[in-house]
Amino acid sequence: MAMVSSREEDASLYVLPEACIADVLSFTCPRDACRLSMVCSLFKAAEESDVVWERFLPRDYQSIISKSDASSMLLASASSKKHLYLKLCEKPLIIEGGKKSISLEKKSGKKCYMLSARDLIIVWGDTPTYWQWNSDPSSRFGEVAELISVCWLEIRGKINATMLSPATLYTACLVFRPTGGLHGLDNQPVEVGVGLVGSECGKRNVYLDSERGRRQQYHFVNRRIGLFNRCRIVGMPASEPARENNGQYPKKRGDGWLEIELGEFFCKEGEGRELEMSVQEVKGGDWKGGLIVEGIEIRPKEDT
């Protein structure tokens, strides 16, 4: 049997029309399409095609963009479907009158949403004694909710599963940061959960005080030093240090805020019910405050 040389194999690629290669690339994913564009100049040209990136954009992207006040500016500034895709990955688009934001996960094109604090159900949220609404230059939204002091902490968010990308495992996170007056939450866990409305969802306890997570990694001992045996408290690594991101304590985000995972949800194909996320501490009875809530983010869970 005659052997085909590598040069002949390379040349055979150029026999295929660019449109045919673009159509094939559109059945991959954004990350793989970008990798394949490095094979040769023909693949690079095909990868730039609107046919490819139209497939990678959500099917309802036009409807989503139309819900933003910046829709005209966004569409006018995007020179191609690939450019539009990258814009939606790089900067969240504020939609629904500032109540939500949407962005795309860069490697997959899956939809990521954040519900603003105004889009959440916050018990006593309209009572200035307990909660106050302020602007914050570090937030993507026009308003954030500041917890002054409550004994009943309850925050809920809802989103219809049809808005999410199907066949995708999502994680939901509360996005917040403490103020200088954080109190009542250092030793008191809060109960969080994620699940479909009307169905049972798993609950678990987490802590909103990030400093508590750091303290758990050390135990403190008195050590006598110097001529007069003065005592000094020294932090020693615990025998079994807590993992920083075991999900029980907040972690810092790239935008400077903190987040705590509330739970996971697999969005099945055709799922049409509402997804509900909850954060509550109603059992301890202690007064707690000193948090600024930006919202709840629902995004595809990262591969581990």
C-alpha atoms as a PDB file:
ATOM      1  CA  MET A   1       0.000   0.000   0.000  1.00  0.00           C
ATOM      2  CA  ALA A   2       1.388   3.399  -0.973  1.00  0.00           C
ATOM      3  CA  MET A   3       2.423   5.640   1.890  1.00  0.00           C
ATOM      4  CA  VAL A   4       1.157   9.229   1.948  1.00  0.00           C
ATOM      5  CA  SER A   5       3.817  11.768   2.858  1.00  0.00           C
ATOM      6  CA  SER A   6       3.218  14.415   5.513  1.00  0.00           C
ATOM      7  CA  ARG A   7       3.494  17.098   2.827  1.00  0.00           C
ATOM      8  CA  GLU A   8       0.730  15.441   0.831  1.00  0.00           C
ATOM      9  CA  GLU A   9      -1.422  15.240   3.984  1.00  0.00           C
ATOM     10  CA  ASP A  10      -0.852  18.947   4.659  1.00  0.00           C
ATOM     11  CA  ALA A  11      -1.694  19.801   1.071  1.00  0.00           C
ATOM     12  CA  SER A  12      -4.916  17.801   1.267  1.00  0.00           C
ATOM     13  CA  LEU A  13      -6.183  20.163   3.967  1.00  0.00           C
ATOM     14  CA  TYR A  14      -6.207  23.002   1.472  1.00  0.00           C
ATOM     15  CA  VAL A  15      -8.504  21.033  -0.835  1.00  0.00           C
ATOM     16  CA  LEU A  16     -11.360  21.589   1.638  1.00  0.00           C
ATOM     17  CA  PRO A  17     -13.256  24.873   1.276  1.00  0.00           C
ATOM     18  CA  GLU A  18     -12.822  27.330   4.146  1.00  0.00           C
ATOM     19  CA  ALA A  19     -16.585  27.301   4.747  1.00  0.00           C
ATOM     20  CA  CYS A  20     -16.483  23.528   5.223  1.00  0.00           C
ATOM     21  CA  ILE A  21     -13.719  23.786   7.829  1.00  0.00           C
ATOM     22  CA  ALA A  22     -15.592  26.603   9.576  1.00  0.00           C
ATOM     23  CA  ASP A  23     -18.679  24.417   9.768  1.00  0.00           C
ATOM     24  CA  VAL A  24     -16.635  21.595  11.329  1.00  0.00           C
ATOM     25  CA  LEU A  25     -15.028  23.964  13.859  1.00  0.00           C
ATOM     26  CA  SER A  26     -18.459  25.218  14.907  1.00  0.00           C
ATOM     27  CA  PHE A  27     -19.197  21.752  16.314  1.00  0.00           C
ATOM     28  CA  THR A  28     -16.248  21.963  18.718  1.00  0.00           C
ATOM     29  CA  CYS A  29     -15.994  24.447  21.616  1.00  0.00           C
ATOM     30  CA  PRO A  30     -14.378  27.908  21.804  1.00  0.00           C
ATOM     31  CA  ARG A  31     -11.225  26.638  23.490  1.00  0.00           C
ATOM     32  CA  ASP A  32     -10.677  23.827  20.965  1.00  0.00           C
ATOM     33  CA  ALA A  33     -11.470  26.077  18.002  1.00  0.00           C
ATOM     34  CA  CYS A  34      -8.778  28.528  19.123  1.00  0.00           C
ATOM     35  CA  ARG A  35      -6.282  25.694  19.497  1.00  0.00           C
ATOM     36  CA  LEU A  36      -7.100  24.315  16.046  1.00  0.00           C
ATOM     37  CA  SER A  37      -6.633  27.774  14.522  1.00  0.00           C
ATOM     38  CA  MET A  38      -2.906  27.311  15.141  1.00  0.00           C
ATOM     39  CA  VAL A  39      -2.718  24.304  12.793  1.00  0.00           C
ATOM     40  CA  CYS A  40      -2.436  26.361   9.612  1.00  0.00           C
ATOM     41  CA  SER A  41      -3.506  29.630   8.011  1.00  0.00           C
ATOM     42  CA  LEU A  42      -6.608  28.016   6.491  1.00  0.00           C
ATOM     43  CA  PHE A  43      -7.814  26.881   9.922  1.00  0.00           C
ATOM     44  CA  LYS A  44      -7.027  30.330  11.310  1.00  0.00           C
ATOM     45  CA  ALA A  45      -9.176  32.006   8.668  1.00  0.00           C
ATOM     46  CA  ALA A  46     -11.992  29.503   9.209  1.00  0.00           C
ATOM     47  CA  GLU A  47     -11.871  30.003  12.988  1.00  0.00           C
ATOM     48  CA  GLU A  48     -12.497  33.745  12.522  1.00  0.00           C
ATOM     49  CA  SER A  49     -15.724  33.049  10.637  1.00  0.00           C
ATOM     50  CA  ASP A  50     -19.042  34.316  11.993  1.00  0.00           C
ATOM     51  CA  VAL A  51     -20.430  30.836  11.303  1.00  0.00           C
ATOM     52  CA  VAL A  52     -18.207  29.444  14.066  1.00  0.00           C
ATOM     53  CA  TRP A  53     -18.870  32.087  16.711  1.00  0.00           C
ATOM     54  CA  GLU A  54     -22.586  32.331  15.982  1.00  0.00           C
ATOM     55  CA  ARG A  55     -22.746  28.697  17.120  1.00  0.00           C
ATOM     56  CA  PHE A  56     -20.685  29.425  20.250  1.00  0.00           C
ATOM     57  CA  LEU A  57     -22.896  32.321  21.329  1.00  0.00           C
ATOM     58  CA  PRO A  58     -26.028  31.355  23.302  1.00  0.00           C
ATOM     59  CA  ARG A  59     -29.014  30.686  21.073  1.00  0.00           C
ATOM     60  CA  ASP A  60     -30.916  33.518  22.741  1.00  0.00           C
ATOM     61  CA  TYR A  61     -28.023  36.005  22.771  1.00  0.00           C
ATOM     62  CA  GLN A  62     -29.941  38.590  20.735  1.00  0.00           C
ATOM     63  CA  SER A  63     -32.841  38.503  23.192  1.00  0.00           C
ATOM     64  CA  ILE A  64     -30.429  38.754  26.140  1.00  0.00           C
ATOM     65  CA  ILE A  65     -28.544  41.716  24.691  1.00  0.00           C
ATOM     66  CA  SER A  66     -31.812  43.522  23.938  1.00  0.00           C
ATOM     67  CA  LYS A  67     -32.500  43.605  27.701  1.00  0.00           C
ATOM     68  CA  SER A  68     -29.495  45.883  28.252  1.00  0.00           C
ATOM     69  CA  ASP A  69     -29.475  49.672  27.992  1.00  0.00           C
ATOM     70  CA  ALA A  70     -26.056  49.288  26.351  1.00  0.00           C
ATOM     71  CA  SER A  71     -27.277  46.912  23.615  1.00  0.00           C
ATOM     72  CA  SER A  72     -26.890  49.349  20.708  1.00  0.00           C
ATOM     73  CA  MET A  73     -23.404  50.382  21.784  1.00  0.00           C
ATOM     74  CA  LEU A  74     -22.311  46.770  22.274  1.00  0.00           C
ATOM     75  CA  LEU A  75     -23.535  45.602  18.872  1.00  0.00           C
ATOM     76  CA  ALA A  76     -22.087  48.652  17.107  1.00  0.00           C
ATOM     77  CA  SER A  77     -18.650  48.155  18.678  1.00  0.00           C
ATOM     78  CA  ALA A  78     -18.439  44.433  17.856  1.00  0.00           C
ATOM     79  CA  SER A  79     -16.756  44.010  14.479  1.00  0.00           C
ATOM     80  CA  SER A  80     -17.542  40.285  14.289  1.00  0.00           C
ATOM     81  CA  LYS A  81     -19.337  37.515  16.144  1.00  0.00           C
ATOM     82  CA  LYS A  82     -16.002  36.496  17.683  1.00  0.00           C
ATOM     83  CA  HIS A  83     -15.460  40.050  18.894  1.00  0.00           C
ATOM     84  CA  LEU A  84     -18.958  40.068  20.395  1.00  0.00           C
ATOM     85  CA  TYR A  85     -18.290  36.727  22.104  1.00  0.00           C
ATOM     86  CA  LEU A  86     -15.060  38.013  23.656  1.00  0.00           C
ATOM     87  CA  LYS A  87     -16.751  41.204  24.844  1.00  0.00           C
ATOM     88  CA  LEU A  88     -19.390  39.155  26.663  1.00  0.00           C
ATOM     89  CA  CYS A  89     -16.621  37.096  28.271  1.00  0.00           C
ATOM     90  CA  GLU A  90     -14.489  40.021  29.372  1.00  0.00           C
ATOM     91  CA  LYS A  91     -17.107  42.317  30.882  1.00  0.00           C
ATOM     92  CA  PRO A  92     -20.507  41.431  32.395  1.00  0.00           C
ATOM     93  CA  LEU A  93     -23.454  42.984  30.584  1.00  0.00           C
ATOM     94  CA  ILE A  94     -25.960  44.699  32.877  1.00  0.00           C
ATOM     95  CA  ILE A  95     -29.522  43.705  31.964  1.00  0.00           C
ATOM     96  CA  GLU A  96     -33.110  44.048  33.178  1.00  0.00           C
ATOM     97  CA  GLY A  97     -32.787  47.615  34.391  1.00  0.00           C
ATOM     98  CA  GLY A  98     -29.661  46.957  36.423  1.00  0.00           C
ATOM     99  CA  LYS A  99     -31.073  44.003  38.348  1.00  0.00           C
ATOM    100  CA  LYS A 100     -28.929  41.301  36.737  1.00  0.00           C
ATOM    101  CA  SER A 101     -25.707  40.857  34.821  1.00  0.00           C
ATOM    102  CA  ILE A 102     -24.730  38.195  32.308  1.00  0.00           C
ATOM    103  CA  SER A 103     -21.370  37.099  30.972  1.00  0.00           C
ATOM    104  CA  LEU A 104     -20.014  34.032  29.198  1.00  0.00           C
ATOM    105  CA  GLU A 105     -17.482  31.513  30.429  1.00  0.00           C
ATOM    106  CA  LYS A 106     -14.627  32.020  27.985  1.00  0.00           C
ATOM    107  CA  LYS A 107     -13.621  28.403  27.427  1.00  0.00           C
ATOM    108  CA  SER A 108     -17.145  27.067  26.867  1.00  0.00           C
ATOM    109  CA  GLY A 109     -19.572  29.907  26.131  1.00  0.00           C
ATOM    110  CA  LYS A 110     -21.812  28.830  29.037  1.00  0.00           C
ATOM    111  CA  LYS A 111     -23.915  31.582  30.587  1.00  0.00           C
ATOM    112  CA  CYS A 112     -22.999  33.158  33.931  1.00  0.00           C
ATOM    113  CA  TYR A 113     -25.510  35.333  35.786  1.00  0.00           C
ATOM    114  CA  MET A 114     -25.340  37.545  38.829  1.00  0.00           C
ATOM    115  CA  LEU A 115     -28.497  38.638  40.611  1.00  0.00           C
ATOM    116  CA  SER A 116     -27.979  42.080  42.119  1.00  0.00           C
ATOM    117  CA  ALA A 117     -28.885  42.761  45.741  1.00  0.00           C
ATOM    118  CA  ARG A 118     -31.990  44.575  44.442  1.00  0.00           C
ATOM    119  CA  ASP A 119     -33.042  41.387  42.669  1.00  0.00           C
ATOM    120  CA  LEU A 120     -32.872  39.365  45.899  1.00  0.00           C
ATOM    121  CA  ILE A 121     -35.512  38.838  48.564  1.00  0.00           C
ATOM    122  CA  ILE A 122     -33.989  40.300  51.743  1.00  0.00           C
ATOM    123  CA  VAL A 123     -36.098  40.091  54.891  1.00  0.00           C
ATOM    124  CA  TRP A 124     -36.316  43.587  56.462  1.00  0.00           C
ATOM    125  CA  GLY A 125     -34.431  44.895  53.419  1.00  0.00           C
ATOM    126  CA  ASP A 126     -36.666  47.975  53.161  1.00  0.00           C
ATOM    127  CA  THR A 127     -36.194  48.954  56.818  1.00  0.00           C
ATOM    128  CA  PRO A 128     -33.279  51.453  57.079  1.00  0.00           C
ATOM    129  CA  THR A 129     -32.683  50.513  60.717  1.00  0.00           C
ATOM    130  CA  TYR A 130     -31.643  47.034  59.558  1.00  0.00           C
ATOM    131  CA  TRP A 131     -30.474  47.439  55.947  1.00  0.00           C
ATOM    132  CA  GLN A 132     -29.278  50.411  53.927  1.00  0.00           C
ATOM    133  CA  TRP A 133     -28.915  50.783  50.167  1.00  0.00           C
ATOM    134  CA  ASN A 134     -25.787  52.533  48.925  1.00  0.00           C
ATOM    135  CA  SER A 135     -23.755  52.997  45.777  1.00  0.00           C
ATOM    136  CA  ASP A 136     -20.342  51.336  45.667  1.00  0.00           C
ATOM    137  CA  PRO A 137     -17.716  52.177  43.019  1.00  0.00           C
ATOM    138  CA  SER A 138     -16.301  48.641  43.190  1.00  0.00           C
ATOM    139  CA  SER A 139     -19.658  47.054  42.289  1.00  0.00           C
ATOM    140  CA  ARG A 140     -20.938  46.374  38.784  1.00  0.00           C
ATOM    141  CA  PHE A 141     -24.420  47.390  39.970  1.00  0.00           C
ATOM    142  CA  GLY A 142     -25.815  50.786  40.887  1.00  0.00           C
ATOM    143  CA  GLU A 143     -26.738  49.717  44.422  1.00  0.00           C
ATOM    144  CA  VAL A 144     -25.522  47.310  47.075  1.00  0.00           C
ATOM    145  CA  ALA A 145     -27.206  46.312  50.339  1.00  0.00           C
ATOM    146  CA  GLU A 146     -25.437  47.021  53.629  1.00  0.00           C
ATOM    147  CA  LEU A 147     -26.469  44.974  56.635  1.00  0.00           C
ATOM    148  CA  ILE A 148     -26.577  47.314  59.634  1.00  0.00           C
ATOM    149  CA  SER A 149     -27.869  44.913  62.279  1.00  0.00           C
ATOM    150  CA  VAL A 150     -30.542  42.196  62.382  1.00  0.00           C
ATOM    151  CA  CYS A 151     -31.331  39.205  64.528  1.00  0.00           C
ATOM    152  CA  TRP A 152     -33.123  37.456  61.622  1.00  0.00           C
ATOM    153  CA  LEU A 153     -30.841  37.170  58.586  1.00  0.00           C
ATOM    154  CA  GLU A 154     -32.552  35.782  55.495  1.00  0.00           C
ATOM    155  CA  ILE A 155     -31.593  36.333  51.846  1.00  0.00           C
ATOM    156  CA  ARG A 156     -33.115  34.477  48.895  1.00  0.00           C
ATOM    157  CA  GLY A 157     -32.597  34.646  45.158  1.00  0.00           C
ATOM    158  CA  LYS A 158     -34.498  33.016  42.300  1.00  0.00           C
ATOM    159  CA  ILE A 159     -33.772  32.474  38.620  1.00  0.00           C
ATOM    160  CA  ASN A 160     -35.628  30.408  36.045  1.00  0.00           C
ATOM    161  CA  ALA A 161     -33.578  27.413  34.930  1.00  0.00           C
ATOM    162  CA  THR A 162     -34.481  28.152  31.292  1.00  0.00           C
ATOM    163  CA  MET A 163     -32.127  31.153  31.493  1.00  0.00           C
ATOM    164  CA  LEU A 164     -29.143  28.891  32.221  1.00  0.00           C
ATOM    165  CA  SER A 165     -27.113  26.780  29.810  1.00  0.00           C
ATOM    166  CA  PRO A 166     -28.546  23.243  29.601  1.00  0.00           C
ATOM    167  CA  ALA A 167     -26.608  20.106  30.548  1.00  0.00           C
ATOM    168  CA  THR A 168     -24.348  22.172  32.795  1.00  0.00           C
ATOM    169  CA  LEU A 169     -23.295  21.849  36.429  1.00  0.00           C
ATOM    170  CA  TYR A 170     -23.673  25.256  38.086  1.00  0.00           C
ATOM    171  CA  THR A 171     -22.476  26.636  41.392  1.00  0.00           C
ATOM    172  CA  ALA A 172     -24.113  29.562  43.204  1.00  0.00           C
ATOM    173  CA  CYS A 173     -22.137  31.973  45.390  1.00  0.00           C
ATOM    174  CA  LEU A 174     -23.038  34.883  47.638  1.00  0.00           C
ATOM    175  CA  VAL A 175     -20.836  37.856  46.687  1.00  0.00           C
ATOM    176  CA  PHE A 176     -20.171  40.207  49.599  1.00  0.00           C
ATOM    177  CA  ARG A 177     -17.558  41.935  51.705  1.00  0.00           C
ATOM    178  CA  PRO A 178     -17.356  42.889  55.383  1.00  0.00           C
ATOM    179  CA  THR A 179     -17.359  46.426  56.698  1.00  0.00           C
ATOM    180  CA  GLY A 180     -15.270  47.578  59.623  1.00  0.00           C
ATOM    181  CA  GLY A 181     -18.169  46.812  61.947  1.00  0.00           C
ATOM    182  CA  LEU A 182     -18.627  43.087  61.294  1.00  0.00           C
ATOM    183  CA  HIS A 183     -20.273  41.487  64.319  1.00  0.00           C
ATOM    184  CA  GLY A 184     -22.324  38.467  65.310  1.00  0.00           C
ATOM    185  CA  LEU A 185     -20.980  36.268  62.505  1.00  0.00           C
ATOM    186  CA  ASP A 186     -17.477  35.411  63.692  1.00  0.00           C
ATOM    187  CA  ASN A 187     -18.532  32.253  65.530  1.00  0.00           C
ATOM    188  CA  GLN A 188     -22.068  31.863  64.208  1.00  0.00           C
ATOM    189  CA  PRO A 189     -22.519  29.777  61.037  1.00  0.00           C
ATOM    190  CA  VAL A 190     -25.221  30.566  58.492  1.00  0.00           C
ATOM    191  CA  GLU A 191     -27.300  27.976  56.659  1.00  0.00           C
ATOM    192  CA  VAL A 192     -27.118  27.995  52.856  1.00  0.00           C
ATOM    193  CA  GLY A 193     -28.763  25.945  50.141  1.00  0.00           C
ATOM    194  CA  VAL A 194     -29.542  25.668  46.421  1.00  0.00           C
ATOM    195  CA  GLY A 195     -32.409  23.769  44.827  1.00  0.00           C
ATOM    196  CA  LEU A 196     -35.466  23.864  42.613  1.00  0.00           C
ATOM    197  CA  VAL A 197     -38.525  25.559  44.084  1.00  0.00           C
ATOM    198  CA  GLY A 198     -40.855  22.905  45.459  1.00  0.00           C
ATOM    199  CA  SER A 199     -38.103  20.304  45.811  1.00  0.00           C
ATOM    200  CA  GLU A 200     -35.903  19.406  48.738  1.00  0.00           C
ATOM    201  CA  CYS A 201     -32.430  20.892  48.590  1.00  0.00           C
ATOM    202  CA  GLY A 202     -29.353  20.067  50.588  1.00  0.00           C
ATOM    203  CA  LYS A 203     -28.488  22.511  53.355  1.00  0.00           C
ATOM    204  CA  ARG A 204     -25.109  23.119  54.913  1.00  0.00           C
ATOM    205  CA  ASN A 205     -23.443  25.532  57.310  1.00  0.00           C
ATOM    206  CA  VAL A 206     -20.805  28.059  56.274  1.00  0.00           C
ATOM    207  CA  TYR A 207     -19.114  31.065  57.879  1.00  0.00           C
ATOM    208  CA  LEU A 208     -19.190  34.585  56.431  1.00  0.00           C
ATOM    209  CA  ASP A 209     -16.224  35.749  58.529  1.00  0.00           C
ATOM    210  CA  SER A 210     -13.134  35.164  56.371  1.00  0.00           C
ATOM    211  CA  GLU A 211     -10.829  35.835  59.332  1.00  0.00           C
ATOM    212  CA  ARG A 212     -12.286  32.839  61.136  1.00  0.00           C
ATOM    213  CA  GLY A 213     -11.072  30.597  58.330  1.00  0.00           C
ATOM    214  CA  ARG A 214      -7.540  31.896  58.764  1.00  0.00           C
ATOM    215  CA  ARG A 215      -7.675  31.429  62.517  1.00  0.00           C
ATOM    216  CA  GLN A 216      -8.683  27.794  62.065  1.00  0.00           C
ATOM    217  CA  GLN A 217      -5.324  27.123  60.410  1.00  0.00           C
ATOM    218  CA  TYR A 218      -3.424  27.960  63.603  1.00  0.00           C
ATOM    219  CA  HIS A 219      -3.590  27.238  67.306  1.00  0.00           C
ATOM    220  CA  PHE A 220      -2.098  29.674  69.782  1.00  0.00           C
ATOM    221  CA  VAL A 221       0.238  28.846  72.646  1.00  0.00           C
ATOM    222  CA  ASN A 222       1.916  30.852  75.394  1.00  0.00           C
ATOM    223  CA  ARG A 223       5.687  30.836  74.991  1.00  0.00           C
ATOM    224  CA  ARG A 224       7.966  32.236  77.728  1.00  0.00           C
ATOM    225  CA  ILE A 225      10.867  34.282  76.450  1.00  0.00           C
ATOM    226  CA  GLY A 226      13.611  36.503  77.829  1.00  0.00           C
ATOM    227  CA  LEU A 227      15.255  36.908  81.187  1.00  0.00           C
ATOM    228  CA  PHE A 228      12.023  37.531  83.071  1.00  0.00           C
ATOM    229  CA  ASN A 229      10.003  34.770  81.373  1.00  0.00           C
ATOM    230  CA  ARG A 230       7.626  37.169  79.713  1.00  0.00           C
ATOM    231  CA  CYS A 231       4.754  35.501  77.864  1.00  0.00           C
ATOM    232  CA  ARG A 232       4.175  35.878  74.161  1.00  0.00           C
ATOM    233  CA  ILE A 233       1.302  34.340  72.211  1.00  0.00           C
ATOM    234  CA  VAL A 234       2.646  32.550  69.162  1.00  0.00           C
ATOM    235  CA  GLY A 235       0.573  31.209  66.272  1.00  0.00           C
ATOM    236  CA  MET A 236       1.544  27.638  65.461  1.00  0.00           C
ATOM    237  CA  PRO A 237       0.317  25.674  62.439  1.00  0.00           C
ATOM    238  CA  ALA A 238      -2.453  23.328  63.472  1.00  0.00           C
ATOM    239  CA  SER A 239      -1.734  19.616  63.323  1.00  0.00           C
ATOM    240  CA  GLU A 240      -4.405  19.295  60.632  1.00  0.00           C
ATOM    241  CA  PRO A 241      -4.658  22.731  58.980  1.00  0.00           C
ATOM    242  CA  ALA A 242      -7.990  23.560  57.416  1.00  0.00           C
ATOM    243  CA  ARG A 243      -7.966  23.808  53.650  1.00  0.00           C
ATOM    244  CA  GLU A 244      -8.477  27.383  52.512  1.00  0.00           C
ATOM    245  CA  ASN A 245     -11.133  26.555  49.967  1.00  0.00           C
ATOM    246  CA  ASN A 246     -12.976  23.669  51.568  1.00  0.00           C
ATOM    247  CA  GLY A 247     -16.186  25.576  50.897  1.00  0.00           C
ATOM    248  CA  GLN A 248     -16.895  26.475  54.520  1.00  0.00           C
ATOM    249  CA  TYR A 249     -15.162  29.858  54.474  1.00  0.00           C
ATOM    250  CA  PRO A 250     -15.193  32.778  52.018  1.00  0.00           C
ATOM    251  CA  LYS A 251     -12.505  33.239  49.410  1.00  0.00           C
ATOM    252  CA  LYS A 252     -11.376  36.364  47.605  1.00  0.00           C
ATOM    253  CA  ARG A 253     -12.474  36.986  44.033  1.00  0.00           C
ATOM    254  CA  GLY A 254     -10.531  38.622  41.241  1.00  0.00           C
ATOM    255  CA  ASP A 255     -12.731  41.731  41.483  1.00  0.00           C
ATOM    256  CA  GLY A 256     -11.823  42.285  45.148  1.00  0.00           C
ATOM    257  CA  TRP A 257     -15.083  41.001  46.662  1.00  0.00           C
ATOM    258  CA  LEU A 258     -15.482  37.823  48.713  1.00  0.00           C
ATOM    259  CA  GLU A 259     -17.654  34.853  47.831  1.00  0.00           C
ATOM    260  CA  ILE A 260     -19.016  31.841  49.664  1.00  0.00           C
ATOM    261  CA  GLU A 261     -20.402  28.849  47.800  1.00  0.00           C
ATOM    262  CA  LEU A 262     -24.080  28.189  48.514  1.00  0.00           C
ATOM    263  CA  GLY A 263     -24.399  24.913  46.618  1.00  0.00           C
ATOM    264  CA  GLU A 264     -24.502  23.228  43.215  1.00  0.00           C
ATOM    265  CA  PHE A 265     -27.209  22.574  40.649  1.00  0.00           C
ATOM    266  CA  PHE A 266     -27.172  20.497  37.462  1.00  0.00           C
ATOM    267  CA  CYS A 267     -29.327  22.197  34.844  1.00  0.00           C
ATOM    268  CA  LYS A 268     -30.936  19.419  32.818  1.00  0.00           C
ATOM    269  CA  GLU A 269     -32.023  19.844  29.218  1.00  0.00           C
ATOM    270  CA  GLY A 270     -35.585  21.198  29.169  1.00  0.00           C
ATOM    271  CA  GLU A 271     -35.700  22.120  32.876  1.00  0.00           C
ATOM    272  CA  GLY A 272     -38.249  24.923  33.268  1.00  0.00           C
ATOM    273  CA  ARG A 273     -38.659  25.363  37.015  1.00  0.00           C
ATOM    274  CA  GLU A 274     -37.231  28.111  39.198  1.00  0.00           C
ATOM    275  CA  LEU A 275     -33.918  27.693  40.977  1.00  0.00           C
ATOM    276  CA  GLU A 276     -33.738  29.151  44.488  1.00  0.00           C
ATOM    277  CA  MET A 277     -30.649  30.078  46.515  1.00  0.00           C
ATOM    278  CA  SER A 278     -30.833  30.883  50.223  1.00  0.00           C
ATOM    279  CA  VAL A 279     -28.677  32.319  53.009  1.00  0.00           C
ATOM    280  CA  GLN A 280     -30.116  32.450  56.513  1.00  0.00           C
ATOM    281  CA  GLU A 281     -29.268  32.612  60.191  1.00  0.00           C
ATOM    282  CA  VAL A 282     -32.479  32.633  62.205  1.00  0.00           C
ATOM    283  CA  LYS A 283     -31.709  30.237  65.054  1.00  0.00           C
ATOM    284  CA  GLY A 284     -28.966  31.910  67.072  1.00  0.00           C
ATOM    285  CA  GLY A 285     -30.969  34.988  68.023  1.00  0.00           C
ATOM    286  CA  ASP A 286     -27.854  37.188  68.202  1.00  0.00           C
ATOM    287  CA  TRP A 287     -27.691  40.536  66.456  1.00  0.00           C
ATOM    288  CA  LYS A 288     -25.392  40.506  63.450  1.00  0.00           C
ATOM    289  CA  GLY A 289     -24.253  43.090  60.949  1.00  0.00           C
ATOM    290  CA  GLY A 290     -21.368  44.635  59.090  1.00  0.00           C
ATOM    291  CA  LEU A 291     -21.791  43.055  55.630  1.00  0.00           C
ATOM    292  CA  ILE A 292     -22.224  44.572  52.183  1.00  0.00           C
ATOM    293  CA  VAL A 293     -24.046  42.291  49.743  1.00  0.00           C
ATOM    294  CA  GLU A 294     -23.474  42.753  46.008  1.00  0.00           C
ATOM    295  CA  GLY A 295     -25.538  39.774  44.860  1.00  0.00           C
ATOM    296  CA  ILE A 296     -25.619  36.062  44.104  1.00  0.00           C
ATOM    297  CA  GLU A 297     -23.628  34.693  41.174  1.00  0.00           C
ATOM    298  CA  ILE A 298     -24.640  31.545  39.283  1.00  0.00           C
ATOM    299  CA  ARG A 299     -21.850  30.229  37.057  1.00  0.00           C
ATOM    300  CA  PRO A 300     -20.615  26.924  35.599  1.00  0.00           C
ATOM    301  CA  LYS A 301     -18.640  24.989  38.176  1.00  0.00           C
ATOM    302  CA  GLU A 302     -14.942  24.791  37.422  1.00  0.00           C
ATOM    303  CA  ASP A 303     -13.427  21.410  36.639  1.00  0.00           C
ATOM    304  CA  THR A 304     -11.445  19.996  39.548  1.00  0.00           C
END
